[in-house]
Amino acid sequence: MKIKKNRKKVHVKSGEIVKIISGNSKGKIGKIIKVLPKKNKIIIENLNIATKHSKAKNNNSSGQLIKIERAIDSSNVKLHSNKDDN
């Protein structure tokens, strides 16, 4: 008996230029860094930035704020072409 995997096919690939069509960053354009097909999400370069706090590792160093890109759902983006500048 075969086990079905609930993995959806993502309509975009890593390295492609996409335009965000919904959410806080609507209308922005960016390049895909990574695709997460199991979660149906993608990570776009310099978009959907979140701030992460890190504690000091030892007494000599101080804590810091790290800005990282967070994943967004792949259904919120579409492929971008120069013809489609709406």
PDB file of N, CA and C in Angstrom:
ATOM      1  N   MET A   1       0.834  -1.175   0.000  1.00  0.00           N
ATOM      2  CA  MET A   1       0.000   0.000   0.000  1.00  0.00           C
ATOM      3  C   MET A   1       0.883   1.245   0.000  1.00  0.00           C
ATOM      4  N   LYS A   2       0.635   2.122  -0.950  1.00  0.00           N
ATOM      5  CA  LYS A   2       1.418   3.350  -1.053  1.00  0.00           C
ATOM      6  C   LYS A   2       0.874   4.406  -0.107  1.00  0.00           C
ATOM      7  N   ILE A   3       1.790   5.207   0.420  1.00  0.00           N
ATOM      8  CA  ILE A   3       1.407   6.319   1.284  1.00  0.00           C
ATOM      9  C   ILE A   3       1.459   7.596   0.462  1.00  0.00           C
ATOM     10  N   LYS A   4       0.354   8.350   0.472  1.00  0.00           N
ATOM     11  CA  LYS A   4       0.311   9.608  -0.271  1.00  0.00           C
ATOM     12  C   LYS A   4       1.024  10.690   0.513  1.00  0.00           C
ATOM     13  N   LYS A   5       1.802  11.474  -0.178  1.00  0.00           N
ATOM     14  CA  LYS A   5       2.461  12.615   0.438  1.00  0.00           C
ATOM     15  C   LYS A   5       1.659  13.862   0.110  1.00  0.00           C
ATOM     16  N   ASN A   6       1.418  14.680   1.100  1.00  0.00           N
ATOM     17  CA  ASN A   6       0.628  15.891   0.910  1.00  0.00           C
ATOM     18  C   ASN A   6       1.511  17.069   0.531  1.00  0.00           C
ATOM     19  N   ARG A   7       2.400  16.860  -0.401  1.00  0.00           N
ATOM     20  CA  ARG A   7       3.298  17.912  -0.851  1.00  0.00           C
ATOM     21  C   ARG A   7       2.733  18.534  -2.118  1.00  0.00           C
ATOM     22  N   LYS A   8       2.504  19.850  -2.067  1.00  0.00           N
ATOM     23  CA  LYS A   8       1.989  20.551  -3.227  1.00  0.00           C
ATOM     24  C   LYS A   8       3.147  21.020  -4.100  1.00  0.00           C
ATOM     25  N   LYS A   9       2.890  21.137  -5.369  1.00  0.00           N
ATOM     26  CA  LYS A   9       3.885  21.657  -6.286  1.00  0.00           C
ATOM     27  C   LYS A   9       3.827  23.177  -6.235  1.00  0.00           C
ATOM     28  N   VAL A  10       4.970  23.807  -6.004  1.00  0.00           N
ATOM     29  CA  VAL A  10       5.045  25.259  -5.925  1.00  0.00           C
ATOM     30  C   VAL A  10       5.246  25.799  -7.329  1.00  0.00           C
ATOM     31  N   HIS A  11       4.501  26.857  -7.680  1.00  0.00           N
ATOM     32  CA  HIS A  11       4.496  27.365  -9.053  1.00  0.00           C
ATOM     33  C   HIS A  11       5.682  28.272  -9.383  1.00  0.00           C
ATOM     34  N   VAL A  12       6.564  28.528  -8.432  1.00  0.00           N
ATOM     35  CA  VAL A  12       7.747  29.356  -8.670  1.00  0.00           C
ATOM     36  C   VAL A  12       8.994  28.595  -8.259  1.00  0.00           C
ATOM     37  N   LYS A  13      10.145  29.027  -8.792  1.00  0.00           N
ATOM     38  CA  LYS A  13      11.415  28.368  -8.500  1.00  0.00           C
ATOM     39  C   LYS A  13      12.376  29.364  -7.863  1.00  0.00           C
ATOM     40  N   SER A  14      13.398  28.850  -7.246  1.00  0.00           N
ATOM     41  CA  SER A  14      14.425  29.677  -6.643  1.00  0.00           C
ATOM     42  C   SER A  14      15.164  30.463  -7.726  1.00  0.00           C
ATOM     43  N   GLY A  15      15.405  31.747  -7.474  1.00  0.00           N
ATOM     44  CA  GLY A  15      16.106  32.592  -8.431  1.00  0.00           C
ATOM     45  C   GLY A  15      15.194  33.419  -9.319  1.00  0.00           C
ATOM     46  N   GLU A  16      13.891  33.136  -9.325  1.00  0.00           N
ATOM     47  CA  GLU A  16      12.956  33.883 -10.161  1.00  0.00           C
ATOM     48  C   GLU A  16      12.565  35.203  -9.498  1.00  0.00           C
ATOM     49  N   ILE A  17      12.169  36.170 -10.317  1.00  0.00           N
ATOM     50  CA  ILE A  17      11.708  37.466  -9.835  1.00  0.00           C
ATOM     51  C   ILE A  17      10.184  37.398  -9.708  1.00  0.00           C
ATOM     52  N   VAL A  18       9.676  37.763  -8.518  1.00  0.00           N
ATOM     53  CA  VAL A  18       8.241  37.696  -8.267  1.00  0.00           C
ATOM     54  C   VAL A  18       7.728  39.024  -7.732  1.00  0.00           C
ATOM     55  N   LYS A  19       6.410  39.214  -7.851  1.00  0.00           N
ATOM     56  CA  LYS A  19       5.726  40.393  -7.326  1.00  0.00           C
ATOM     57  C   LYS A  19       4.730  39.914  -6.281  1.00  0.00           C
ATOM     58  N   ILE A  20       4.715  40.563  -5.114  1.00  0.00           N
ATOM     59  CA  ILE A  20       3.799  40.196  -4.049  1.00  0.00           C
ATOM     60  C   ILE A  20       2.437  40.802  -4.347  1.00  0.00           C
ATOM     61  N   ILE A  21       1.384  39.978  -4.306  1.00  0.00           N
ATOM     62  CA  ILE A  21       0.051  40.436  -4.681  1.00  0.00           C
ATOM     63  C   ILE A  21      -0.884  40.613  -3.490  1.00  0.00           C
ATOM     64  N   SER A  22      -0.460  40.206  -2.288  1.00  0.00           N
ATOM     65  CA  SER A  22      -1.295  40.429  -1.101  1.00  0.00           C
ATOM     66  C   SER A  22      -0.421  40.483   0.144  1.00  0.00           C
ATOM     67  N   GLY A  23      -0.942  41.139   1.176  1.00  0.00           N
ATOM     68  CA  GLY A  23      -0.220  41.257   2.432  1.00  0.00           C
ATOM     69  C   GLY A  23       0.359  42.648   2.618  1.00  0.00           C
ATOM     70  N   ASN A  24       1.185  42.813   3.650  1.00  0.00           N
ATOM     71  CA  ASN A  24       1.771  44.114   3.976  1.00  0.00           C
ATOM     72  C   ASN A  24       2.722  44.629   2.901  1.00  0.00           C
ATOM     73  N   SER A  25       3.380  43.740   2.201  1.00  0.00           N
ATOM     74  CA  SER A  25       4.357  44.130   1.179  1.00  0.00           C
ATOM     75  C   SER A  25       3.762  44.099  -0.225  1.00  0.00           C
ATOM     76  N   LYS A  26       2.468  44.307  -0.347  1.00  0.00           N
ATOM     77  CA  LYS A  26       1.786  44.220  -1.640  1.00  0.00           C
ATOM     78  C   LYS A  26       2.398  45.190  -2.644  1.00  0.00           C
ATOM     79  N   GLY A  27       2.691  44.684  -3.860  1.00  0.00           N
ATOM     80  CA  GLY A  27       3.233  45.505  -4.919  1.00  0.00           C
ATOM     81  C   GLY A  27       4.745  45.506  -5.002  1.00  0.00           C
ATOM     82  N   LYS A  28       5.429  44.974  -4.001  1.00  0.00           N
ATOM     83  CA  LYS A  28       6.896  44.958  -4.011  1.00  0.00           C
ATOM     84  C   LYS A  28       7.402  43.792  -4.839  1.00  0.00           C
ATOM     85  N   ILE A  29       8.600  43.968  -5.392  1.00  0.00           N
ATOM     86  CA  ILE A  29       9.199  42.990  -6.288  1.00  0.00           C
ATOM     87  C   ILE A  29      10.509  42.513  -5.680  1.00  0.00           C
ATOM     88  N   GLY A  30      10.761  41.206  -5.753  1.00  0.00           N
ATOM     89  CA  GLY A  30      11.996  40.662  -5.202  1.00  0.00           C
ATOM     90  C   GLY A  30      12.367  39.338  -5.835  1.00  0.00           C
ATOM     91  N   LYS A  31      13.566  38.866  -5.487  1.00  0.00           N
ATOM     92  CA  LYS A  31      14.103  37.618  -6.012  1.00  0.00           C
ATOM     93  C   LYS A  31      13.943  36.523  -4.959  1.00  0.00           C
ATOM     94  N   ILE A  32      13.538  35.333  -5.389  1.00  0.00           N
ATOM     95  CA  ILE A  32      13.336  34.219  -4.473  1.00  0.00           C
ATOM     96  C   ILE A  32      14.688  33.634  -4.079  1.00  0.00           C
ATOM     97  N   ILE A  33      14.916  33.527  -2.770  1.00  0.00           N
ATOM     98  CA  ILE A  33      16.151  32.939  -2.247  1.00  0.00           C
ATOM     99  C   ILE A  33      15.983  31.437  -2.067  1.00  0.00           C
ATOM    100  N   LYS A  34      14.847  31.046  -1.465  1.00  0.00           N
ATOM    101  CA  LYS A  34      14.646  29.649  -1.114  1.00  0.00           C
ATOM    102  C   LYS A  34      13.173  29.287  -1.245  1.00  0.00           C
ATOM    103  N   VAL A  35      12.905  28.043  -1.660  1.00  0.00           N
ATOM    104  CA  VAL A  35      11.546  27.524  -1.776  1.00  0.00           C
ATOM    105  C   VAL A  35      11.386  26.387  -0.763  1.00  0.00           C
ATOM    106  N   LEU A  36      10.295  26.416   0.004  1.00  0.00           N
ATOM    107  CA  LEU A  36       9.997  25.385   0.992  1.00  0.00           C
ATOM    108  C   LEU A  36       8.736  24.634   0.553  1.00  0.00           C
ATOM    109  N   PRO A  37       8.877  23.587  -0.294  1.00  0.00           N
ATOM    110  CA  PRO A  37       7.701  22.932  -0.872  1.00  0.00           C
ATOM    111  C   PRO A  37       6.831  22.193   0.135  1.00  0.00           C
ATOM    112  N   LYS A  38       7.396  21.678   1.221  1.00  0.00           N
ATOM    113  CA  LYS A  38       6.589  20.962   2.216  1.00  0.00           C
ATOM    114  C   LYS A  38       5.603  21.890   2.916  1.00  0.00           C
ATOM    115  N   LYS A  39       6.016  23.141   3.111  1.00  0.00           N
ATOM    116  CA  LYS A  39       5.155  24.125   3.769  1.00  0.00           C
ATOM    117  C   LYS A  39       4.440  25.031   2.777  1.00  0.00           C
ATOM    118  N   ASN A  40       4.758  24.887   1.484  1.00  0.00           N
ATOM    119  CA  ASN A  40       4.192  25.709   0.413  1.00  0.00           C
ATOM    120  C   ASN A  40       4.510  27.195   0.631  1.00  0.00           C
ATOM    121  N   LYS A  41       5.752  27.473   1.045  1.00  0.00           N
ATOM    122  CA  LYS A  41       6.179  28.836   1.330  1.00  0.00           C
ATOM    123  C   LYS A  41       7.474  29.146   0.598  1.00  0.00           C
ATOM    124  N   ILE A  42       7.754  30.455   0.476  1.00  0.00           N
ATOM    125  CA  ILE A  42       8.989  30.903  -0.168  1.00  0.00           C
ATOM    126  C   ILE A  42       9.614  32.018   0.665  1.00  0.00           C
ATOM    127  N   ILE A  43      10.913  32.225   0.461  1.00  0.00           N
ATOM    128  CA  ILE A  43      11.633  33.315   1.116  1.00  0.00           C
ATOM    129  C   ILE A  43      12.139  34.244   0.020  1.00  0.00           C
ATOM    130  N   ILE A  44      11.813  35.533   0.146  1.00  0.00           N
ATOM    131  CA  ILE A  44      12.176  36.524  -0.859  1.00  0.00           C
ATOM    132  C   ILE A  44      13.240  37.453  -0.281  1.00  0.00           C
ATOM    133  N   GLU A  45      14.235  37.765  -1.092  1.00  0.00           N
ATOM    134  CA  GLU A  45      15.368  38.587  -0.676  1.00  0.00           C
ATOM    135  C   GLU A  45      14.922  39.999  -0.283  1.00  0.00           C
ATOM    136  N   ASN A  46      15.292  40.432   0.922  1.00  0.00           N
ATOM    137  CA  ASN A  46      15.045  41.772   1.471  1.00  0.00           C
ATOM    138  C   ASN A  46      13.561  42.138   1.595  1.00  0.00           C
ATOM    139  N   LEU A  47      12.678  41.156   1.676  1.00  0.00           N
ATOM    140  CA  LEU A  47      11.253  41.405   1.904  1.00  0.00           C
ATOM    141  C   LEU A  47      10.770  40.553   3.070  1.00  0.00           C
ATOM    142  N   ASN A  48       9.722  41.018   3.750  1.00  0.00           N
ATOM    143  CA  ASN A  48       9.161  40.363   4.930  1.00  0.00           C
ATOM    144  C   ASN A  48      10.236  40.190   6.010  1.00  0.00           C
ATOM    145  N   ILE A  49      10.890  41.293   6.340  1.00  0.00           N
ATOM    146  CA  ILE A  49      11.981  41.305   7.318  1.00  0.00           C
ATOM    147  C   ILE A  49      11.416  41.260   8.732  1.00  0.00           C
ATOM    148  N   ALA A  50      11.983  40.392   9.571  1.00  0.00           N
ATOM    149  CA  ALA A  50      11.616  40.307  10.984  1.00  0.00           C
ATOM    150  C   ALA A  50      12.873  40.545  11.817  1.00  0.00           C
ATOM    151  N   THR A  51      12.687  41.117  13.017  1.00  0.00           N
ATOM    152  CA  THR A  51      13.807  41.384  13.910  1.00  0.00           C
ATOM    153  C   THR A  51      13.856  40.297  14.963  1.00  0.00           C
ATOM    154  N   LYS A  52      15.023  39.683  15.119  1.00  0.00           N
ATOM    155  CA  LYS A  52      15.211  38.622  16.095  1.00  0.00           C
ATOM    156  C   LYS A  52      16.200  39.100  17.152  1.00  0.00           C
ATOM    157  N   HIS A  53      15.862  38.927  18.412  1.00  0.00           N
ATOM    158  CA  HIS A  53      16.727  39.328  19.511  1.00  0.00           C
ATOM    159  C   HIS A  53      17.590  38.138  19.919  1.00  0.00           C
ATOM    160  N   SER A  54      18.889  38.375  20.118  1.00  0.00           N
ATOM    161  CA  SER A  54      19.757  37.311  20.586  1.00  0.00           C
ATOM    162  C   SER A  54      20.446  37.756  21.871  1.00  0.00           C
ATOM    163  N   LYS A  55      20.559  36.818  22.806  1.00  0.00           N
ATOM    164  CA  LYS A  55      21.187  37.110  24.090  1.00  0.00           C
ATOM    165  C   LYS A  55      22.707  37.099  23.944  1.00  0.00           C
ATOM    166  N   ALA A  56      23.373  37.688  24.933  1.00  0.00           N
ATOM    167  CA  ALA A  56      24.835  37.676  24.968  1.00  0.00           C
ATOM    168  C   ALA A  56      25.311  36.250  25.250  1.00  0.00           C
ATOM    169  N   LYS A  57      26.332  35.811  24.536  1.00  0.00           N
ATOM    170  CA  LYS A  57      26.864  34.457  24.715  1.00  0.00           C
ATOM    171  C   LYS A  57      27.757  34.358  25.957  1.00  0.00           C
ATOM    172  N   ASN A  58      28.487  35.434  26.229  1.00  0.00           N
ATOM    173  CA  ASN A  58      29.349  35.451  27.417  1.00  0.00           C
ATOM    174  C   ASN A  58      29.362  36.857  28.015  1.00  0.00           C
ATOM    175  N   ASN A  59      30.122  37.059  29.044  1.00  0.00           N
ATOM    176  CA  ASN A  59      30.126  38.346  29.743  1.00  0.00           C
ATOM    177  C   ASN A  59      30.746  39.472  28.918  1.00  0.00           C
ATOM    178  N   ASN A  60      31.648  39.159  28.010  1.00  0.00           N
ATOM    179  CA  ASN A  60      32.346  40.192  27.238  1.00  0.00           C
ATOM    180  C   ASN A  60      31.523  40.728  26.067  1.00  0.00           C
ATOM    181  N   SER A  61      30.602  39.946  25.571  1.00  0.00           N
ATOM    182  CA  SER A  61      29.819  40.395  24.417  1.00  0.00           C
ATOM    183  C   SER A  61      28.439  40.876  24.865  1.00  0.00           C
ATOM    184  N   SER A  62      27.807  41.644  24.001  1.00  0.00           N
ATOM    185  CA  SER A  62      26.464  42.141  24.301  1.00  0.00           C
ATOM    186  C   SER A  62      25.469  41.477  23.357  1.00  0.00           C
ATOM    187  N   GLY A  63      24.187  41.548  23.723  1.00  0.00           N
ATOM    188  CA  GLY A  63      23.150  41.011  22.855  1.00  0.00           C
ATOM    189  C   GLY A  63      23.027  41.843  21.593  1.00  0.00           C
ATOM    190  N   GLN A  64      22.309  41.335  20.624  1.00  0.00           N
ATOM    191  CA  GLN A  64      22.179  42.071  19.364  1.00  0.00           C
ATOM    192  C   GLN A  64      20.823  41.811  18.723  1.00  0.00           C
ATOM    193  N   LEU A  65      20.472  42.669  17.787  1.00  0.00           N
ATOM    194  CA  LEU A  65      19.266  42.518  16.993  1.00  0.00           C
ATOM    195  C   LEU A  65      19.675  42.020  15.613  1.00  0.00           C
ATOM    196  N   ILE A  66      19.044  40.952  15.154  1.00  0.00           N
ATOM    197  CA  ILE A  66      19.354  40.373  13.850  1.00  0.00           C
ATOM    198  C   ILE A  66      18.123  40.501  12.979  1.00  0.00           C
ATOM    199  N   LYS A  67      18.285  41.033  11.783  1.00  0.00           N
ATOM    200  CA  LYS A  67      17.172  41.156  10.838  1.00  0.00           C
ATOM    201  C   LYS A  67      17.280  40.021   9.822  1.00  0.00           C
ATOM    202  N   ILE A  68      16.199  39.226   9.705  1.00  0.00           N
ATOM    203  CA  ILE A  68      16.180  38.087   8.798  1.00  0.00           C
ATOM    204  C   ILE A  68      14.898  38.103   7.972  1.00  0.00           C
ATOM    205  N   GLU A  69      14.949  37.456   6.803  1.00  0.00           N
ATOM    206  CA  GLU A  69      13.769  37.333   5.959  1.00  0.00           C
ATOM    207  C   GLU A  69      12.933  36.158   6.441  1.00  0.00           C
ATOM    208  N   ARG A  70      11.629  36.353   6.517  1.00  0.00           N
ATOM    209  CA  ARG A  70      10.714  35.293   6.918  1.00  0.00           C
ATOM    210  C   ARG A  70       9.982  34.768   5.688  1.00  0.00           C
ATOM    211  N   ALA A  71       9.499  33.541   5.785  1.00  0.00           N
ATOM    212  CA  ALA A  71       8.798  32.895   4.674  1.00  0.00           C
ATOM    213  C   ALA A  71       7.379  33.453   4.529  1.00  0.00           C
ATOM    214  N   ILE A  72       6.919  33.531   3.277  1.00  0.00           N
ATOM    215  CA  ILE A  72       5.532  33.899   2.994  1.00  0.00           C
ATOM    216  C   ILE A  72       4.925  32.797   2.136  1.00  0.00           C
ATOM    217  N   ASP A  73       3.615  32.732   2.109  1.00  0.00           N
ATOM    218  CA  ASP A  73       2.929  31.698   1.343  1.00  0.00           C
ATOM    219  C   ASP A  73       3.124  31.938  -0.154  1.00  0.00           C
ATOM    220  N   SER A  74       3.323  30.865  -0.892  1.00  0.00           N
ATOM    221  CA  SER A  74       3.596  31.004  -2.324  1.00  0.00           C
ATOM    222  C   SER A  74       2.375  31.486  -3.106  1.00  0.00           C
ATOM    223  N   SER A  75       1.183  31.368  -2.531  1.00  0.00           N
ATOM    224  CA  SER A  75      -0.016  31.839  -3.227  1.00  0.00           C
ATOM    225  C   SER A  75      -0.128  33.361  -3.211  1.00  0.00           C
ATOM    226  N   ASN A  76       0.701  34.021  -2.414  1.00  0.00           N
ATOM    227  CA  ASN A  76       0.670  35.484  -2.320  1.00  0.00           C
ATOM    228  C   ASN A  76       1.594  36.159  -3.321  1.00  0.00           C
ATOM    229  N   VAL A  77       2.210  35.407  -4.222  1.00  0.00           N
ATOM    230  CA  VAL A  77       3.116  35.992  -5.217  1.00  0.00           C
ATOM    231  C   VAL A  77       2.754  35.516  -6.611  1.00  0.00           C
ATOM    232  N   LYS A  78       3.204  36.306  -7.597  1.00  0.00           N
ATOM    233  CA  LYS A  78       3.089  35.886  -8.990  1.00  0.00           C
ATOM    234  C   LYS A  78       4.386  36.227  -9.697  1.00  0.00           C
ATOM    235  N   LEU A  79       4.655  35.530 -10.783  1.00  0.00           N
ATOM    236  CA  LEU A  79       5.860  35.810 -11.565  1.00  0.00           C
ATOM    237  C   LEU A  79       5.800  37.224 -12.111  1.00  0.00           C
ATOM    238  N   HIS A  80       6.931  37.890 -12.097  1.00  0.00           N
ATOM    239  CA  HIS A  80       6.987  39.267 -12.552  1.00  0.00           C
ATOM    240  C   HIS A  80       7.684  39.350 -13.902  1.00  0.00           C
ATOM    241  N   SER A  81       7.107  40.143 -14.791  1.00  0.00           N
ATOM    242  CA  SER A  81       7.755  40.441 -16.068  1.00  0.00           C
ATOM    243  C   SER A  81       7.722  41.946 -16.260  1.00  0.00           C
ATOM    244  N   ASN A  82       8.581  42.469 -17.106  1.00  0.00           N
ATOM    245  CA  ASN A  82       8.650  43.905 -17.324  1.00  0.00           C
ATOM    246  C   ASN A  82       7.395  44.454 -17.991  1.00  0.00           C
ATOM    247  N   LYS A  83       6.634  43.610 -18.687  1.00  0.00           N
ATOM    248  CA  LYS A  83       5.402  44.044 -19.329  1.00  0.00           C
ATOM    249  C   LYS A  83       4.313  44.359 -18.308  1.00  0.00           C
ATOM    250  N   ASP A  84       4.347  43.676 -17.176  1.00  0.00           N
ATOM    251  CA  ASP A  84       3.278  43.763 -16.161  1.00  0.00           C
ATOM    252  C   ASP A  84       3.707  44.699 -15.026  1.00  0.00           C
ATOM    253  N   ASP A  85       3.675  46.002 -15.247  1.00  0.00           N
ATOM    254  CA  ASP A  85       4.071  46.986 -14.234  1.00  0.00           C
ATOM    255  C   ASP A  85       2.868  47.725 -13.701  1.00  0.00           C
ATOM    256  N   ASN A  86       1.842  47.027 -13.262  1.00  0.00           N
ATOM    257  CA  ASN A  86       0.627  47.653 -12.744  1.00  0.00           C
ATOM    258  C   ASN A  86       0.830  48.193 -11.374  1.00  0.00           C
TER     259      ASN A  86
END
